[in-house]
C-alpha atoms as a PDB file:
ATOM      1  CA  UNK A   1     -40.468 -14.616  -8.903  1.00  0.00           C
ATOM      2  CA  UNK A   2     -40.417 -11.878  -6.272  1.00  0.00           C
ATOM      3  CA  UNK A   3     -37.146 -13.330  -5.638  1.00  0.00           C
ATOM      4  CA  UNK A   4     -35.603 -12.810  -9.068  1.00  0.00           C
ATOM      5  CA  UNK A   5     -37.055  -9.335  -9.545  1.00  0.00           C
ATOM      6  CA  UNK A   6     -35.652  -8.320  -6.294  1.00  0.00           C
ATOM      7  CA  UNK A   7     -32.143  -9.433  -7.181  1.00  0.00           C
ATOM      8  CA  UNK A   8     -32.532  -8.019 -10.923  1.00  0.00           C
ATOM      9  CA  UNK A   9     -33.405  -4.357  -8.894  1.00  0.00           C
ATOM     10  CA  UNK A  10     -30.547  -4.872  -6.231  1.00  0.00           C
ATOM     11  CA  UNK A  11     -28.415  -5.701  -9.277  1.00  0.00           C
ATOM     12  CA  UNK A  12     -28.701  -2.719 -11.513  1.00  0.00           C
ATOM     13  CA  UNK A  13     -28.478  -0.677  -8.669  1.00  0.00           C
ATOM     14  CA  UNK A  14     -25.311  -1.843  -7.514  1.00  0.00           C
ATOM     15  CA  UNK A  15     -24.377  -1.132 -11.176  1.00  0.00           C
ATOM     16  CA  UNK A  16     -25.334   2.455 -11.101  1.00  0.00           C
ATOM     17  CA  UNK A  17     -23.622   3.166  -8.244  1.00  0.00           C
ATOM     18  CA  UNK A  18     -20.746   1.536  -8.615  1.00  0.00           C
ATOM     19  CA  UNK A  19     -20.447   3.764 -12.368  1.00  0.00           C
ATOM     20  CA  UNK A  20     -21.493   7.148 -10.763  1.00  0.00           C
ATOM     21  CA  UNK A  21     -17.938   7.093  -9.024  1.00  0.00           C
ATOM     22  CA  UNK A  22     -16.037   9.351 -11.755  1.00  0.00           C
ATOM     23  CA  UNK A  23     -12.850  10.132 -12.835  1.00  0.00           C
ATOM     24  CA  UNK A  24     -12.013  14.122 -11.712  1.00  0.00           C
ATOM     25  CA  UNK A  25     -12.135  16.540 -14.486  1.00  0.00           C
ATOM     26  CA  UNK A  26      -8.916  18.349 -15.040  1.00  0.00           C
ATOM     27  CA  UNK A  27      -9.359  22.155 -16.228  1.00  0.00           C
ATOM     28  CA  UNK A  28      -6.483  24.724 -17.025  1.00  0.00           C
ATOM     29  CA  UNK A  29      -7.614  26.582 -14.166  1.00  0.00           C
ATOM     30  CA  UNK A  30      -6.358  23.969 -11.834  1.00  0.00           C
ATOM     31  CA  UNK A  31      -3.436  22.855 -13.622  1.00  0.00           C
ATOM     32  CA  UNK A  32      -1.583  25.701 -15.479  1.00  0.00           C
ATOM     33  CA  UNK A  33       1.516  27.541 -14.020  1.00  0.00           C
ATOM     34  CA  UNK A  34       0.713  30.675 -12.757  1.00  0.00           C
ATOM     35  CA  UNK A  35       3.540  33.793 -13.111  1.00  0.00           C
ATOM     36  CA  UNK A  36       5.684  34.022 -10.221  1.00  0.00           C
ATOM     37  CA  UNK A  37       4.886  30.447  -9.459  1.00  0.00           C
ATOM     38  CA  UNK A  38       7.836  28.602  -7.491  1.00  0.00           C
ATOM     39  CA  UNK A  39       9.467  24.896  -7.488  1.00  0.00           C
ATOM     40  CA  UNK A  40      11.284  23.034  -4.852  1.00  0.00           C
ATOM     41  CA  UNK A  41      14.073  21.236  -6.792  1.00  0.00           C
ATOM     42  CA  UNK A  42      15.774  17.960  -5.082  1.00  0.00           C
ATOM     43  CA  UNK A  43      18.672  16.922  -6.914  1.00  0.00           C
ATOM     44  CA  UNK A  44      20.913  13.843  -5.938  1.00  0.00           C
ATOM     45  CA  UNK A  45      24.060  13.112  -7.425  1.00  0.00           C
ATOM     46  CA  UNK A  46      24.588  10.236  -9.714  1.00  0.00           C
ATOM     47  CA  UNK A  47      26.100   6.837  -8.447  1.00  0.00           C
ATOM     48  CA  UNK A  48      26.544   3.932 -10.372  1.00  0.00           C
ATOM     49  CA  UNK A  49      24.702   1.068  -8.148  1.00  0.00           C
ATOM     50  CA  UNK A  50      26.708  -1.566  -9.974  1.00  0.00           C
ATOM     51  CA  UNK A  51      25.833  -4.748 -11.281  1.00  0.00           C
ATOM     52  CA  UNK A  52      22.549  -6.057 -11.018  1.00  0.00           C
ATOM     53  CA  UNK A  53      20.930  -9.627 -10.243  1.00  0.00           C
ATOM     54  CA  UNK A  54      20.556 -11.602  -7.213  1.00  0.00           C
ATOM     55  CA  UNK A  55      23.199 -11.812  -4.110  1.00  0.00           C
ATOM     56  CA  UNK A  56      24.425  -7.754  -5.142  1.00  0.00           C
ATOM     57  CA  UNK A  57      25.022  -5.932  -2.175  1.00  0.00           C
ATOM     58  CA  UNK A  58      24.807  -1.865  -3.396  1.00  0.00           C
ATOM     59  CA  UNK A  59      26.836   0.942  -1.170  1.00  0.00           C
ATOM     60  CA  UNK A  60      25.040   4.370  -1.577  1.00  0.00           C
ATOM     61  CA  UNK A  61      26.350   6.401   0.938  1.00  0.00           C
ATOM     62  CA  UNK A  62      28.585   8.367  -0.815  1.00  0.00           C
ATOM     63  CA  UNK A  63      25.039   9.601  -2.672  1.00  0.00           C
ATOM     64  CA  UNK A  64      24.718  13.299  -1.425  1.00  0.00           C
ATOM     65  CA  UNK A  65      21.847  15.696  -2.789  1.00  0.00           C
ATOM     66  CA  UNK A  66      20.769  19.308  -2.504  1.00  0.00           C
ATOM     67  CA  UNK A  67      17.592  21.172  -3.269  1.00  0.00           C
ATOM     68  CA  UNK A  68      17.221  24.625  -4.501  1.00  0.00           C
ATOM     69  CA  UNK A  69      14.059  26.628  -5.241  1.00  0.00           C
ATOM     70  CA  UNK A  70      13.217  27.603  -9.155  1.00  0.00           C
ATOM     71  CA  UNK A  71      11.273  30.275 -10.551  1.00  0.00           C
ATOM     72  CA  UNK A  72      10.099  28.941 -14.032  1.00  0.00           C
ATOM     73  CA  UNK A  73       7.069  30.776 -14.671  1.00  0.00           C
ATOM     74  CA  UNK A  74       7.708  34.271 -15.860  1.00  0.00           C
ATOM     75  CA  UNK A  75       5.703  36.933 -17.703  1.00  0.00           C
ATOM     76  CA  UNK A  76       6.523  36.823 -21.701  1.00  0.00           C
ATOM     77  CA  UNK A  77       7.513  40.354 -20.997  1.00  0.00           C
ATOM     78  CA  UNK A  78      10.038  39.333 -18.754  1.00  0.00           C
ATOM     79  CA  UNK A  79      11.508  36.488 -20.848  1.00  0.00           C
ATOM     80  CA  UNK A  80      13.954  36.781 -23.436  1.00  0.00           C
ATOM     81  CA  UNK A  81      13.007  37.676 -26.851  1.00  0.00           C
ATOM     82  CA  UNK A  82       9.652  37.614 -25.054  1.00  0.00           C
ATOM     83  CA  UNK A  83       8.654  40.369 -27.810  1.00  0.00           C
ATOM     84  CA  UNK A  84       8.650  37.663 -30.255  1.00  0.00           C
ATOM     85  CA  UNK A  85       5.405  36.087 -28.760  1.00  0.00           C
ATOM     86  CA  UNK A  86       3.154  38.962 -28.568  1.00  0.00           C
ATOM     87  CA  UNK A  87       0.018  36.712 -27.757  1.00  0.00           C
ATOM     88  CA  UNK A  88       1.999  34.802 -25.026  1.00  0.00           C
END
């Protein structure tokens, strides 16, 4: 009887511990963009790799890329037609 109770207690404790690890909570403060924030853009040219399937050889040596910084978060007053959205 003591074994069954001990096993039940250990099983319940293990179950509670496994559910105590929760998903993170995302809030607007943590994920919304800030005015003036910039992002790095990496772009590559399109190359048609060719046919799909087994025994194919692809040559992607002609692929080239470029990087740049984009500031895509601006104040509504600085945006074109920004006065159209006074509460933004």
